[in-house]
C-alpha atoms as a PDB file:
ATOM      1  CA  MET A   1      41.366  98.901  37.817  1.00  0.00           C
ATOM      2  CA  ALA A   2      43.635  96.207  39.141  1.00  0.00           C
ATOM      3  CA  HIS A   3      45.929  94.401  36.763  1.00  0.00           C
ATOM      4  CA  THR A   4      47.923  91.318  37.567  1.00  0.00           C
ATOM      5  CA  GLU A   5      51.687  91.382  37.314  1.00  0.00           C
ATOM      6  CA  LYS A   6      51.476  89.015  34.358  1.00  0.00           C
ATOM      7  CA  GLU A   7      49.235  91.407  32.444  1.00  0.00           C
ATOM      8  CA  TYR A   8      51.684  94.231  33.081  1.00  0.00           C
ATOM      9  CA  ILE A   9      54.566  92.110  31.822  1.00  0.00           C
ATOM     10  CA  ASN A  10      52.661  91.115  28.681  1.00  0.00           C
ATOM     11  CA  LEU A  11      51.721  94.729  28.033  1.00  0.00           C
ATOM     12  CA  SER A  12      55.256  96.023  28.506  1.00  0.00           C
ATOM     13  CA  VAL A  13      56.635  93.271  26.271  1.00  0.00           C
ATOM     14  CA  GLU A  14      54.140  94.198  23.549  1.00  0.00           C
ATOM     15  CA  LEU A  15      55.020  97.875  23.804  1.00  0.00           C
ATOM     16  CA  ALA A  16      58.740  97.180  23.854  1.00  0.00           C
ATOM     17  CA  THR A  17      58.489  94.868  20.854  1.00  0.00           C
ATOM     18  CA  SER A  18      56.491  97.281  18.719  1.00  0.00           C
ATOM     19  CA  SER A  19      58.646 100.281  19.607  1.00  0.00           C
ATOM     20  CA  ASP A  20      61.848  98.266  19.063  1.00  0.00           C
ATOM     21  CA  LEU A  21      60.653  97.274  15.595  1.00  0.00           C
ATOM     22  CA  ARG A  22      59.803 100.854  14.760  1.00  0.00           C
ATOM     23  CA  TRP A  23      63.126 102.079  16.153  1.00  0.00           C
ATOM     24  CA  ASN A  24      65.080  99.472  14.179  1.00  0.00           C
ATOM     25  CA  TYR A  25      63.225 100.463  11.001  1.00  0.00           C
ATOM     26  CA  ASP A  26      63.945 104.161  11.570  1.00  0.00           C
ATOM     27  CA  ASN A  27      67.560 103.373  12.355  1.00  0.00           C
ATOM     28  CA  GLN A  28      68.032 101.404   9.134  1.00  0.00           C
ATOM     29  CA  ILE A  29      66.652 104.303   7.104  1.00  0.00           C
ATOM     30  CA  ARG A  30      68.948 106.779   8.871  1.00  0.00           C
ATOM     31  CA  GLN A  31      71.960 104.556   8.351  1.00  0.00           C
ATOM     32  CA  LYS A  32      71.110 104.172   4.666  1.00  0.00           C
ATOM     33  CA  MET A  33      70.755 107.927   4.260  1.00  0.00           C
ATOM     34  CA  ALA A  34      73.988 108.529   6.164  1.00  0.00           C
ATOM     35  CA  SER A  35      75.945 106.044   4.070  1.00  0.00           C
ATOM     36  CA  ASN A  36      74.485 107.540   0.874  1.00  0.00           C
ATOM     37  CA  CYS A  37      75.631 110.981   1.993  1.00  0.00           C
ATOM     38  CA  ARG A  38      79.093 109.656   2.814  1.00  0.00           C
ATOM     39  CA  SER A  39      79.473 107.901  -0.532  1.00  0.00           C
ATOM     40  CA  GLN A  40      78.479 111.114  -2.322  1.00  0.00           C
ATOM     41  CA  GLY A  41      80.891 113.159  -0.219  1.00  0.00           C
ATOM     42  CA  ILE A  42      78.129 115.306   1.257  1.00  0.00           C
ATOM     43  CA  GLY A  43      79.420 114.923   4.795  1.00  0.00           C
ATOM     44  CA  ARG A  44      78.873 112.943   7.952  1.00  0.00           C
ATOM     45  CA  TRP A  45      75.218 113.707   8.664  1.00  0.00           C
ATOM     46  CA  GLY A  46      73.568 111.072  10.833  1.00  0.00           C
ATOM     47  CA  ASP A  47      76.789 109.822  12.386  1.00  0.00           C
ATOM     48  CA  SER A  48      77.092 109.619  16.144  1.00  0.00           C
END
């Protein structure tokens, strides 16, 4: 099946957008957990 370049661009933008949103959401949760651990003195889990 032949796709036009425009269709490929639209598809990759959709994929990038949805995965970016998911990644940002995951990252926020990890940062929250990491800062909770730090404030409780548990350690530096989740830090890079």
